[in-house]
Protein backbone atom coordinates (compact mmCIF):
# COMPACT_ATOMS: atom_id res chain seq x y z
CA MET A 1 97.44 88.54 -87.16
CA SER A 2 100.15 86.41 -88.81
CA SER A 3 102.32 89.52 -89.36
CA PHE A 4 102.47 90.20 -85.63
CA PRO A 5 105.89 89.27 -84.10
CA TRP A 6 104.48 86.62 -81.77
CA LEU A 7 107.73 84.83 -81.03
CA THR A 8 109.74 87.99 -80.47
CA THR A 9 107.02 89.18 -78.10
CA LEU A 10 107.23 85.89 -76.21
CA ILE A 11 110.99 86.33 -75.87
CA VAL A 12 110.87 89.99 -74.84
CA LEU A 13 108.03 89.73 -72.28
CA PRO A 14 109.84 87.56 -69.70
CA LEU A 15 113.06 89.49 -70.36
CA LEU A 16 111.20 92.66 -69.50
CA GLY A 17 109.75 91.00 -66.41
CA ALA A 18 113.24 90.02 -65.23
CA VAL A 19 114.49 93.58 -65.74
CA VAL A 20 111.52 95.00 -63.81
CA LEU A 21 112.16 92.63 -60.91
CA TRP A 22 115.85 93.51 -60.79
CA ALA A 23 114.98 97.21 -61.00
CA LEU A 24 112.67 97.07 -57.99
CA PRO A 25 114.28 98.86 -55.03
CA ARG A 26 115.89 96.50 -52.54
CA PRO A 27 113.96 96.39 -49.26
CA ALA A 28 115.81 98.08 -46.44
CA ALA A 29 117.17 95.75 -43.79
CA ARG A 30 116.48 96.41 -40.15
CA GLY A 31 118.60 99.29 -38.91
CA GLU A 32 119.14 100.73 -42.40
CA ALA A 33 117.87 104.12 -43.43
CA THR A 34 114.51 104.20 -45.12
CA TYR A 35 114.11 105.08 -48.77
CA SER A 36 113.92 108.73 -49.72
CA SER A 37 111.05 107.94 -52.05
CA ASP A 38 107.56 108.47 -50.72
CA ALA A 39 106.55 105.00 -51.89
CA PRO A 40 107.59 102.17 -49.58
CA ALA A 41 110.02 99.58 -50.86
CA PRO A 42 108.26 96.54 -52.26
CA GLY A 43 108.08 93.53 -50.00
CA PRO A 44 107.93 89.86 -50.97
CA ARG A 45 104.25 90.08 -51.89
CA ARG A 46 104.85 92.77 -54.51
CA THR A 47 107.78 90.79 -55.92
CA ARG A 48 105.64 87.69 -56.30
CA GLU A 49 102.77 89.63 -57.87
CA VAL A 50 105.05 91.21 -60.49
CA ALA A 51 106.64 87.88 -61.43
CA PHE A 52 103.32 86.07 -61.52
CA GLY A 53 101.75 88.87 -63.56
CA PHE A 54 104.42 88.68 -66.27
CA ALA A 55 104.18 84.86 -66.32
CA VAL A 56 100.40 85.00 -66.77
CA VAL A 57 100.67 87.60 -69.55
CA GLU A 58 103.20 85.32 -71.26
CA LEU A 59 100.71 82.47 -71.03
CA VAL A 60 97.94 84.61 -72.55
CA VAL A 61 100.17 85.75 -75.44
CA THR A 62 101.19 82.13 -76.02
CA ALA A 63 97.52 81.17 -76.29
CA LEU A 64 97.02 83.93 -78.87
CA ALA A 65 100.05 82.69 -80.81
CA VAL A 66 98.53 79.20 -80.87
CA VAL A 67 95.35 80.69 -82.32
CA ALA A 68 97.39 82.51 -84.98
CA PHE A 69 99.19 79.27 -85.89
CA ASP A 70 97.68 77.40 -88.87
CA THR A 71 97.23 73.89 -87.47
CA SER A 72 96.42 72.51 -90.94
CA LYS A 73 100.07 73.19 -91.86
CA ALA A 74 101.65 72.16 -88.58
CA GLY A 75 104.56 70.47 -90.35
CA THR A 76 105.76 73.79 -91.78
CA VAL A 77 107.60 76.56 -89.95
CA GLN A 78 105.24 79.45 -89.18
CA LEU A 79 105.17 82.73 -87.22
CA THR A 80 108.53 83.42 -88.83
CA GLU A 81 110.73 86.49 -88.53
CA THR A 82 114.12 86.97 -90.16
CA HIS A 83 116.36 89.98 -89.66
CA SER A 84 120.00 90.39 -90.57
CA TRP A 85 122.03 90.55 -87.36
CA ILE A 86 125.75 90.14 -88.12
CA PRO A 87 125.83 89.94 -91.93
CA ALA A 88 129.64 89.83 -92.08
CA PHE A 89 129.50 86.45 -90.34
CA GLY A 90 126.23 85.22 -91.86
CA VAL A 91 124.32 85.45 -88.58
CA SER A 92 120.62 86.34 -88.54
CA TYR A 93 117.93 86.80 -85.96
CA ALA A 94 115.57 84.18 -87.34
CA VAL A 95 112.71 82.60 -85.43
CA GLY A 96 109.80 80.35 -86.34
CA VAL A 97 108.07 77.22 -85.10
CA ASN A 98 106.40 74.12 -86.42
CA GLY A 99 103.85 72.21 -84.37
CA LEU A 100 106.48 70.63 -82.11
CA GLY A 101 108.17 73.91 -81.24
CA LEU A 102 104.80 75.50 -80.57
CA VAL A 103 103.64 72.86 -78.08
CA LEU A 104 106.98 72.96 -76.23
CA ILE A 105 106.74 76.73 -75.88
CA ALA A 106 103.14 76.35 -74.70
CA MET A 107 104.26 73.75 -72.13
CA SER A 108 106.87 76.12 -70.70
CA ALA A 109 104.36 78.99 -70.68
CA LEU A 110 102.04 76.92 -68.47
CA LEU A 111 104.76 75.65 -66.15
CA VAL A 112 106.42 78.99 -65.36
CA PRO A 113 103.46 80.67 -63.60
CA LEU A 114 102.92 77.47 -61.62
CA VAL A 115 106.59 77.49 -60.58
CA VAL A 116 106.21 81.11 -59.47
CA LEU A 117 103.08 80.19 -57.53
CA ALA A 118 104.84 77.22 -55.94
CA ALA A 119 107.65 79.51 -54.77
CA TRP A 120 105.16 81.91 -53.17
CA ARG A 121 106.22 81.02 -49.63
CA GLU A 122 109.88 80.28 -50.33
CA GLN A 123 112.70 82.29 -48.73
CA GLY A 124 110.47 83.51 -45.86
CA SER A 125 109.23 87.04 -45.31
CA GLU A 126 112.28 88.84 -43.93
CA HIS A 127 113.89 91.65 -45.91
CA GLY A 128 116.93 89.62 -46.94
CA ALA A 129 114.72 86.72 -47.94
CA SER A 130 112.58 89.10 -49.99
CA ASN A 131 115.66 90.21 -51.90
CA ARG A 132 116.64 86.58 -52.56
CA LEU A 133 113.14 85.79 -53.81
CA ARG A 134 113.27 88.78 -56.15
CA GLN A 135 116.55 87.56 -57.62
CA TYR A 136 115.29 83.99 -57.94
CA LEU A 137 112.06 84.93 -59.73
CA ALA A 138 113.97 87.25 -62.06
CA LEU A 139 116.19 84.31 -63.03
CA VAL A 140 113.07 82.19 -63.65
CA LEU A 141 111.73 84.78 -66.11
CA LEU A 142 115.14 85.18 -67.76
CA LEU A 143 115.30 81.42 -68.25
CA GLN A 144 111.82 81.44 -69.79
CA ALA A 145 112.95 83.98 -72.40
CA PHE A 146 115.88 81.75 -73.36
CA ILE A 147 113.62 78.69 -73.50
CA VAL A 148 111.28 80.35 -76.01
CA ALA A 149 114.26 81.55 -78.06
CA VAL A 150 115.91 78.14 -78.27
CA PHE A 151 112.70 76.36 -79.34
CA ALA A 152 112.05 79.07 -81.95
CA ALA A 153 115.56 79.66 -83.32
CA ARG A 154 115.91 79.16 -87.07
CA ASP A 155 119.49 80.40 -87.32
CA LEU A 156 122.05 77.84 -86.21
CA PHE A 157 124.42 80.34 -84.62
CA PHE A 158 121.56 82.07 -82.82
CA PHE A 159 120.45 78.62 -81.58
CA TYR A 160 123.95 77.96 -80.26
CA LEU A 161 124.13 81.31 -78.47
CA VAL A 162 120.82 80.73 -76.69
CA PHE A 163 121.74 77.08 -76.03
CA GLU A 164 124.76 78.32 -74.07
CA ALA A 165 123.08 81.39 -72.55
CA MET A 166 120.52 79.16 -70.81
CA LEU A 167 123.31 77.87 -68.59
CA ILE A 168 123.71 81.25 -66.87
CA PRO A 169 120.35 81.52 -65.06
CA VAL A 170 120.28 77.79 -64.26
CA TYR A 171 123.78 77.93 -62.77
CA PHE A 172 122.75 80.73 -60.40
CA MET A 173 119.37 79.13 -59.66
CA ILE A 174 121.17 76.00 -58.45
CA GLY A 175 124.31 77.53 -56.96
CA GLY A 176 122.61 80.45 -55.25
CA PHE A 177 119.37 78.93 -54.00
CA GLY A 178 119.95 75.20 -53.64
CA GLY A 179 120.94 72.81 -50.87
CA LEU A 180 124.13 72.31 -48.89
CA ARG A 181 126.07 70.94 -51.88
CA ARG A 182 124.59 73.43 -54.32
CA ARG A 183 127.90 74.85 -55.52
CA TYR A 184 129.25 71.41 -56.39
CA ALA A 185 126.05 70.55 -58.27
CA ALA A 186 126.00 73.89 -60.10
CA VAL A 187 129.64 73.62 -61.20
CA LYS A 188 129.16 70.02 -62.33
CA PHE A 189 126.08 71.01 -64.36
CA LEU A 190 127.98 73.93 -65.90
CA LEU A 191 131.10 71.93 -66.80
CA TYR A 192 129.15 69.13 -68.46
CA SER A 193 126.98 71.56 -70.41
CA LEU A 194 129.89 73.79 -71.45
CA ALA A 195 131.87 70.79 -72.66
CA GLY A 196 128.96 69.67 -74.82
CA GLY A 197 128.40 73.19 -76.12
CA LEU A 198 132.04 73.66 -77.10
CA ILE A 199 132.02 70.37 -78.98
CA MET A 200 128.89 71.47 -80.82
CA LEU A 201 130.45 74.86 -81.64
CA ILE A 202 133.13 73.06 -83.65
CA GLY A 203 130.38 71.37 -85.65
CA VAL A 204 128.45 74.63 -86.09
CA ILE A 205 131.47 76.41 -87.56
CA ALA A 206 132.46 73.46 -89.76
CA LEU A 207 128.92 73.13 -91.11
CA TYR A 208 128.82 76.85 -91.94
CA LEU A 209 132.14 76.61 -93.80
CA HIS A 210 130.72 73.79 -95.95
CA GLY A 211 127.42 75.57 -96.49
CA PRO A 212 126.40 78.23 -99.03
CA GLY A 213 127.73 81.07 -96.87
CA GLY A 214 126.55 84.62 -97.42
CA ALA A 215 124.71 87.08 -95.21
CA ASP A 216 122.24 84.42 -94.02
CA GLY A 217 124.63 81.48 -94.12
CA PHE A 218 123.65 80.12 -90.70
CA LEU A 219 119.95 79.78 -91.53
CA ILE A 220 118.92 76.21 -90.79
CA ASP A 221 116.84 76.03 -93.97
CA LYS A 222 119.96 76.80 -96.04
CA LEU A 223 122.06 74.22 -94.20
CA THR A 224 119.50 71.43 -94.59
CA GLY A 225 120.06 69.09 -97.54
CA LEU A 226 123.76 69.84 -98.08
CA SER A 227 125.83 67.25 -99.89
CA LEU A 228 128.57 66.49 -97.39
CA ASP A 229 131.43 64.02 -97.42
CA PRO A 230 130.21 60.93 -95.51
CA THR A 231 133.09 61.00 -93.02
CA LEU A 232 132.68 64.73 -92.40
CA GLU A 233 128.93 64.33 -91.96
CA ARG A 234 129.45 61.64 -89.33
CA TRP A 235 131.86 63.79 -87.34
CA LEU A 236 129.51 66.75 -87.52
CA PHE A 237 126.63 64.56 -86.37
CA ILE A 238 128.68 63.35 -83.40
CA SER A 239 129.57 66.92 -82.40
CA PHE A 240 125.89 67.89 -82.28
CA PHE A 241 124.65 64.63 -80.79
CA VAL A 242 127.08 64.65 -77.84
CA ALA A 243 125.92 68.13 -76.81
CA PHE A 244 122.28 67.08 -77.05
CA ALA A 245 122.88 63.76 -75.26
CA ILE A 246 124.40 65.65 -72.31
CA LYS A 247 121.44 68.01 -72.22
CA ALA A 248 118.85 65.23 -72.64
CA PRO A 249 120.30 63.61 -70.31
CA MET A 250 121.24 60.26 -71.80
CA PHE A 251 123.39 57.41 -70.47
CA PRO A 252 126.37 57.60 -69.97
CA LEU A 253 126.43 61.43 -70.02
CA HIS A 254 123.69 61.88 -67.42
CA THR A 255 125.62 61.96 -64.17
CA TRP A 256 125.22 65.71 -63.62
CA LEU A 257 121.43 65.41 -63.37
CA PRO A 258 120.88 63.56 -60.04
CA ASP A 259 123.19 66.00 -58.22
CA ALA A 260 121.54 69.04 -59.81
CA ALA A 261 118.03 67.77 -59.09
CA GLU A 262 118.92 66.88 -55.50
CA GLN A 263 120.43 70.28 -54.69
CA ALA A 264 118.24 72.64 -56.74
CA PRO A 265 114.98 74.16 -55.46
CA ALA A 266 111.90 72.26 -56.60
CA GLY A 267 110.91 74.97 -59.07
CA THR A 268 114.37 74.95 -60.64
CA SER A 269 114.27 71.16 -61.05
CA THR A 270 110.82 71.48 -62.62
CA LEU A 271 112.11 73.85 -65.30
CA LEU A 272 115.46 72.08 -65.67
CA VAL A 273 114.13 68.56 -66.16
CA GLY A 274 110.61 69.36 -67.32
CA VAL A 275 111.55 71.95 -69.96
CA LEU A 276 115.24 72.67 -70.38
CA ASP A 277 116.35 69.08 -70.89
CA LYS A 278 113.88 68.81 -73.78
CA VAL A 279 116.28 71.01 -75.73
CA GLY A 280 118.45 67.90 -76.03
CA THR A 281 115.85 65.67 -77.65
CA PHE A 282 114.41 68.66 -79.55
CA GLY A 283 117.86 69.26 -81.02
CA MET A 284 118.25 65.62 -82.01
CA LEU A 285 114.92 65.72 -83.80
CA THR A 286 115.09 69.14 -85.44
CA LEU A 287 118.84 69.48 -86.11
CA CYS A 288 120.66 66.13 -86.07
CA LEU A 289 118.18 64.29 -88.29
CA PRO A 290 117.51 66.96 -90.96
CA LEU A 291 121.07 68.29 -91.16
CA PHE A 292 122.82 64.90 -91.12
CA PRO A 293 120.36 62.30 -92.47
CA HIS A 294 122.94 59.76 -93.64
CA ALA A 295 124.93 59.98 -90.43
CA SER A 296 121.71 59.68 -88.41
CA ARG A 297 120.93 56.37 -90.09
CA TRP A 298 124.54 55.26 -89.62
CA ALA A 299 124.53 56.03 -85.87
CA ALA A 300 120.99 54.83 -85.14
CA PRO A 301 121.85 51.23 -84.08
CA VAL A 302 124.31 52.40 -81.40
CA ILE A 303 122.00 55.18 -80.22
CA ILE A 304 119.07 52.77 -79.90
CA VAL A 305 121.18 50.49 -77.71
CA LEU A 306 122.13 53.45 -75.52
CA ALA A 307 118.47 54.50 -75.35
CA VAL A 308 117.41 51.05 -74.13
CA VAL A 309 120.24 51.04 -71.60
CA SER A 310 119.06 54.47 -70.38
CA ILE A 311 115.53 53.13 -69.95
CA LEU A 312 116.58 50.17 -67.81
CA TYR A 313 119.52 51.80 -66.04
CA GLY A 314 117.53 54.86 -64.99
CA ALA A 315 114.63 52.74 -63.76
CA LEU A 316 116.84 50.37 -61.77
CA LEU A 317 118.71 53.20 -60.09
CA ALA A 318 115.43 54.96 -59.29
CA ILE A 319 114.28 51.87 -57.38
CA GLY A 320 117.32 52.04 -55.09
CA GLN A 321 117.04 55.73 -54.16
CA GLN A 322 116.14 57.05 -50.72
CA ASP A 323 116.20 60.71 -51.77
CA MET A 324 112.98 61.58 -53.62
CA TYR A 325 114.64 64.26 -55.76
CA ARG A 326 117.27 61.79 -56.97
CA LEU A 327 114.58 59.19 -57.54
CA VAL A 328 112.61 61.53 -59.82
CA ALA A 329 115.84 62.49 -61.62
CA TYR A 330 116.65 58.86 -62.41
CA THR A 331 113.09 58.26 -63.63
CA SER A 332 113.75 61.06 -66.11
CA VAL A 333 116.88 59.30 -67.39
CA SER A 334 114.61 56.33 -68.07
CA HIS A 335 111.90 58.43 -69.70
CA PHE A 336 114.36 60.24 -71.95
CA GLY A 337 115.52 56.82 -73.12
CA PHE A 338 112.00 56.23 -74.45
CA ILE A 339 112.06 59.59 -76.24
CA VAL A 340 115.42 58.89 -77.90
CA LEU A 341 114.31 55.38 -78.88
CA GLY A 342 111.27 56.79 -80.63
CA ILE A 343 113.31 59.41 -82.48
CA PHE A 344 115.85 56.98 -83.89
CA ALA A 345 113.35 54.23 -84.71
CA PHE A 346 112.53 56.42 -87.73
CA THR A 347 108.78 55.93 -88.02
CA SER A 348 106.25 58.74 -87.98
CA THR A 349 104.37 56.96 -85.17
CA SER A 350 107.44 56.63 -82.94
CA ILE A 351 108.60 60.20 -83.62
CA SER A 352 105.09 61.52 -82.97
CA GLY A 353 105.10 59.58 -79.71
CA SER A 354 108.51 61.00 -78.75
CA SER A 355 107.37 64.54 -79.54
CA PHE A 356 104.23 64.07 -77.45
CA TYR A 357 106.33 62.41 -74.73
CA MET A 358 108.42 65.58 -74.39
CA VAL A 359 105.30 67.53 -73.48
CA ASN A 360 103.77 64.91 -71.19
CA HIS A 361 107.03 64.30 -69.37
CA GLY A 362 107.29 68.03 -68.67
CA PHE A 363 103.88 68.09 -66.98
CA SER A 364 104.26 64.78 -65.13
CA THR A 365 107.83 65.17 -63.88
CA GLY A 366 107.33 68.87 -63.19
CA ALA A 367 104.38 68.04 -60.95
CA LEU A 368 106.41 65.34 -59.17
CA PHE A 369 109.25 67.74 -58.39
CA LEU A 370 106.82 70.36 -57.10
CA LEU A 371 105.06 67.83 -54.87
CA VAL A 372 108.37 66.61 -53.44
CA GLY A 373 109.18 70.27 -52.77
CA PHE A 374 105.91 70.65 -50.84
CA LEU A 375 106.85 67.62 -48.71
CA ALA A 376 110.35 68.98 -48.12
CA ALA A 377 108.94 72.31 -46.95
CA ARG A 378 106.85 70.47 -44.33
CA ARG A 379 109.27 67.82 -43.14
CA GLY A 380 112.65 69.42 -43.81
CA SER A 381 113.75 66.24 -45.58
CA VAL A 382 113.05 64.35 -48.81
CA ARG A 383 114.32 60.97 -47.65
CA ILE A 384 111.65 58.33 -48.00
CA ASP A 385 112.45 56.88 -44.57
CA ALA A 386 111.71 60.29 -43.01
CA PHE A 387 108.04 59.82 -43.84
CA GLY A 388 105.46 57.08 -43.32
CA GLY A 389 101.70 57.11 -43.01
CA LEU A 390 101.35 60.38 -44.92
CA GLN A 391 98.06 59.27 -46.45
CA ARG A 392 96.38 59.61 -43.06
CA ALA A 393 98.28 62.73 -42.04
CA VAL A 394 97.83 64.72 -45.29
CA PRO A 395 95.14 62.93 -47.35
CA VAL A 396 94.71 65.58 -50.06
CA LEU A 397 98.43 65.90 -50.66
CA ALA A 398 98.68 62.11 -50.72
CA GLY A 399 95.91 61.93 -53.33
CA LEU A 400 97.61 64.50 -55.54
CA PHE A 401 100.90 62.63 -55.24
CA LEU A 402 99.24 59.34 -56.16
CA VAL A 403 97.67 60.70 -59.35
CA VAL A 404 100.90 62.36 -60.47
CA GLY A 405 102.88 59.22 -59.58
CA LEU A 406 100.51 57.11 -61.66
CA SER A 407 101.10 59.46 -64.59
CA ALA A 408 104.84 58.81 -64.26
CA LEU A 409 104.24 55.09 -64.67
CA ALA A 410 102.02 55.77 -67.71
CA LEU A 411 98.65 54.72 -66.33
CA PRO A 412 95.98 54.56 -69.10
CA GLY A 413 93.79 57.65 -68.97
CA LEU A 414 96.72 59.96 -68.28
CA SER A 415 98.63 61.54 -71.15
CA PRO A 416 102.06 59.86 -70.61
CA PHE A 417 100.41 56.53 -71.45
CA VAL A 418 99.50 57.76 -74.96
CA SER A 419 103.02 58.91 -75.76
CA GLU A 420 104.72 55.84 -74.29
CA PHE A 421 102.35 53.54 -76.20
CA LEU A 422 103.05 55.36 -79.48
CA VAL A 423 106.81 55.15 -78.94
CA LEU A 424 106.74 51.41 -78.26
CA VAL A 425 104.29 50.56 -81.04
CA GLY A 426 106.06 52.78 -83.56
CA SER A 427 109.49 51.48 -82.60
CA PHE A 428 108.37 47.86 -82.86
CA ALA A 429 107.84 48.34 -86.59
CA THR A 430 111.57 48.87 -87.22
CA GLN A 431 113.30 47.88 -83.97
CA PRO A 432 111.27 45.00 -82.49
CA ALA A 433 114.01 43.71 -80.18
CA ALA A 434 114.66 47.16 -78.69
CA ALA A 435 110.95 47.80 -78.25
CA ILE A 436 110.44 44.49 -76.43
CA VAL A 437 113.34 45.10 -74.04
CA ALA A 438 112.23 48.71 -73.50
CA THR A 439 108.84 47.42 -72.36
CA LEU A 440 110.57 46.20 -69.21
CA GLY A 441 110.94 49.87 -68.33
CA VAL A 442 107.17 50.11 -67.99
CA VAL A 443 107.21 47.30 -65.42
CA LEU A 444 110.11 48.86 -63.52
CA ALA A 445 108.30 52.23 -63.52
CA ALA A 446 105.40 50.68 -61.65
CA LEU A 447 107.89 49.28 -59.16
CA TYR A 448 109.80 52.47 -58.38
CA ILE A 449 106.67 54.66 -58.15
CA LEU A 450 104.43 52.35 -56.16
CA TRP A 451 107.18 51.19 -53.81
CA MET A 452 108.10 54.79 -53.03
CA TYR A 453 104.44 55.65 -52.45
CA GLN A 454 103.92 52.61 -50.22
CA ARG A 455 106.88 53.48 -47.98
CA ALA A 456 106.17 57.22 -47.71
CA PHE A 457 102.37 57.32 -47.63
CA HIS A 458 101.23 53.98 -46.18
CA GLY A 459 102.04 52.05 -43.04
CA PRO A 460 102.11 53.39 -39.48
CA VAL A 461 102.06 57.15 -39.16
CA ASN A 462 105.56 58.41 -38.42
CA ALA A 463 105.46 60.59 -35.32
CA ALA A 464 107.41 63.26 -37.19
CA VAL A 465 104.63 63.73 -39.76
CA GLU A 466 101.76 63.93 -37.31
CA GLY A 467 100.16 67.34 -37.42
CA LEU A 468 101.62 68.33 -40.79
CA ALA A 469 99.43 70.74 -42.74
CA ASP A 470 97.57 69.27 -45.70
CA ALA A 471 97.71 70.76 -49.19
CA SER A 472 96.86 74.45 -49.10
CA ALA A 473 94.64 76.19 -51.65
CA ARG A 474 97.74 77.60 -53.35
CA GLU A 475 99.34 74.17 -53.64
CA ARG A 476 96.15 72.73 -55.09
CA TRP A 477 96.14 75.51 -57.68
CA VAL A 478 99.72 74.57 -58.57
CA ILE A 479 99.15 70.83 -59.06
CA GLY A 480 95.48 70.88 -60.13
CA PRO A 481 96.07 72.42 -63.59
CA LEU A 482 98.85 69.94 -64.34
CA ILE A 483 96.63 66.97 -63.45
CA ALA A 484 93.79 68.49 -65.49
CA VAL A 485 96.06 68.86 -68.54
CA MET A 486 97.26 65.26 -68.23
CA LEU A 487 93.68 64.01 -67.99
CA VAL A 488 92.53 66.05 -70.99
CA LEU A 489 95.49 64.97 -73.13
CA GLY A 490 95.06 61.41 -71.89
CA PHE A 491 91.47 61.14 -73.08
CA VAL A 492 91.59 63.62 -75.98
CA PRO A 493 95.17 63.58 -77.33
CA GLY A 494 94.09 64.31 -80.91
CA PRO A 495 94.63 68.11 -80.98
CA ALA A 496 98.16 67.83 -79.59
CA LEU A 497 99.03 64.89 -81.85
CA ASN A 498 97.72 66.82 -84.85
CA LEU A 499 100.35 69.45 -84.10
CA VAL A 500 103.33 67.09 -83.77
CA ARG A 501 102.44 64.37 -86.30
CA PRO A 502 102.96 66.49 -89.48
CA ALA A 503 106.38 67.57 -88.21
CA ALA A 504 107.26 63.91 -87.63
CA GLN A 505 106.27 63.04 -91.19
CA VAL A 506 108.42 65.87 -92.54
CA THR A 507 111.37 64.55 -90.51
CA ILE A 508 110.94 61.05 -91.94
CA THR A 509 111.13 62.52 -95.45
CA GLN A 510 114.25 64.53 -94.58
CA VAL A 511 116.02 61.49 -93.15
CA GLY A 512 115.26 59.59 -96.35
CA VAL A 513 113.64 56.48 -94.90
CA THR A 514 110.40 54.77 -95.82
CA ASP A 515 107.83 55.25 -93.10
CA ALA A 516 106.95 51.84 -91.65
CA PRO A 517 103.33 51.50 -90.48
CA ALA A 518 102.81 50.89 -86.80
CA VAL A 519 101.87 47.37 -85.75
CA ALA A 520 98.33 48.43 -84.91
CA GLU A 521 97.96 50.10 -88.30
CA GLY A 522 99.38 47.14 -90.17
CA SER A 523 97.10 44.65 -88.44
CA ALA A 524 94.09 46.77 -89.21
CA GLN A 525 94.79 46.74 -92.96
């Protein structure tokens, strides 16, 4: 089974699904001539079924790929494929994953069918709306193909191409299907991301020119461990790090995110913040540290300060938001600060926690965005002051929101707690001051989540929310699996940690630092 092209299959399947959706005949509008074909044009239901079917098949194939992966060697790159692509320029089609890449692909494979299911009633049932839904779901599947490719890429130029290509579907998902200021938000997202990508391209080319060259000169394995001039290595590190810090998003390069999250459909925000932004921290961990170990150690003190600022700044701004989408976006700025702190604390415990945090944040924040989308569909607004007393009006939806909100503040028993605890404990071993200050972010998280919940769901019932429909069976099927995953990983995190921990230990070796034991481990000895 190991010879089967699992990763290529996972890239091609959603691509094929997007092509099938785009190839479906456009439903005739009222007054237009009917199709000459005997078969009627597909309506919104057929469009949804096709998209959901491809997303479920992708999830099944991902599960089979996990089975084929040797978990006892999770720190090594497996399921590899390498084919010469543009030999004159040293470019290859090379894919493979270690434990971290595998769990991130699995996370996206679970989120995409839920996003499709959440969008089941979006755009209405008219013919024009059906066409819009078809286009939107095709973009979702196209984005999924790029997500798998970027987490699996083992050729640096191929990674860069996919890194930039991801912008295309997201731009149209925001600009074509978002709110009133969607075009502004889409252009701002695109400009920030393109600027970061162009800066990284300079570093990609410069690194290749100082590498071994040849037909496979962009292979990451060949570019790791190069002996570079210290000044050159620092500039190359900066070129990569800036692009990843924009994508992450990290203070002060985060300002595109609140606008994008506010204007984008809930499903788009789920994939953008829950999955796509992980490319930033994934790139820091799998490219910046191994390719530029000396520069990583040199830049770590400044990056740790920025990470702590992100934690506190994002949390404080979240407290002051009235728009729920913007509130969730700023919580993500805070959460990404924890992830970056763990990466640059340079302990296997902190890096394992950051890796696990990427997965847990995707489930938790993705569920929050989807729930806010459900509220927006009912009320026509996501302002907190537009609600009030929702717990009595929609008790099931309120209960789902409470559990997911508690996961965002890292309540023990839910998986985000495990990752946040590992980051703080692991970081304390090498960066005690930063870890102590970062702990304030945990307190602020309780404030911004519980205060939002108190204003929207408690108190007198707002007349505007009386008679709102409670969570439907479809909506429960969207949020239920995410809560179940967070509960399972909260009580039994071992299998997931066993996938990311070996990769963290390999990274520590590549950076050239001595792994400091976590405080809990040291006290036990």
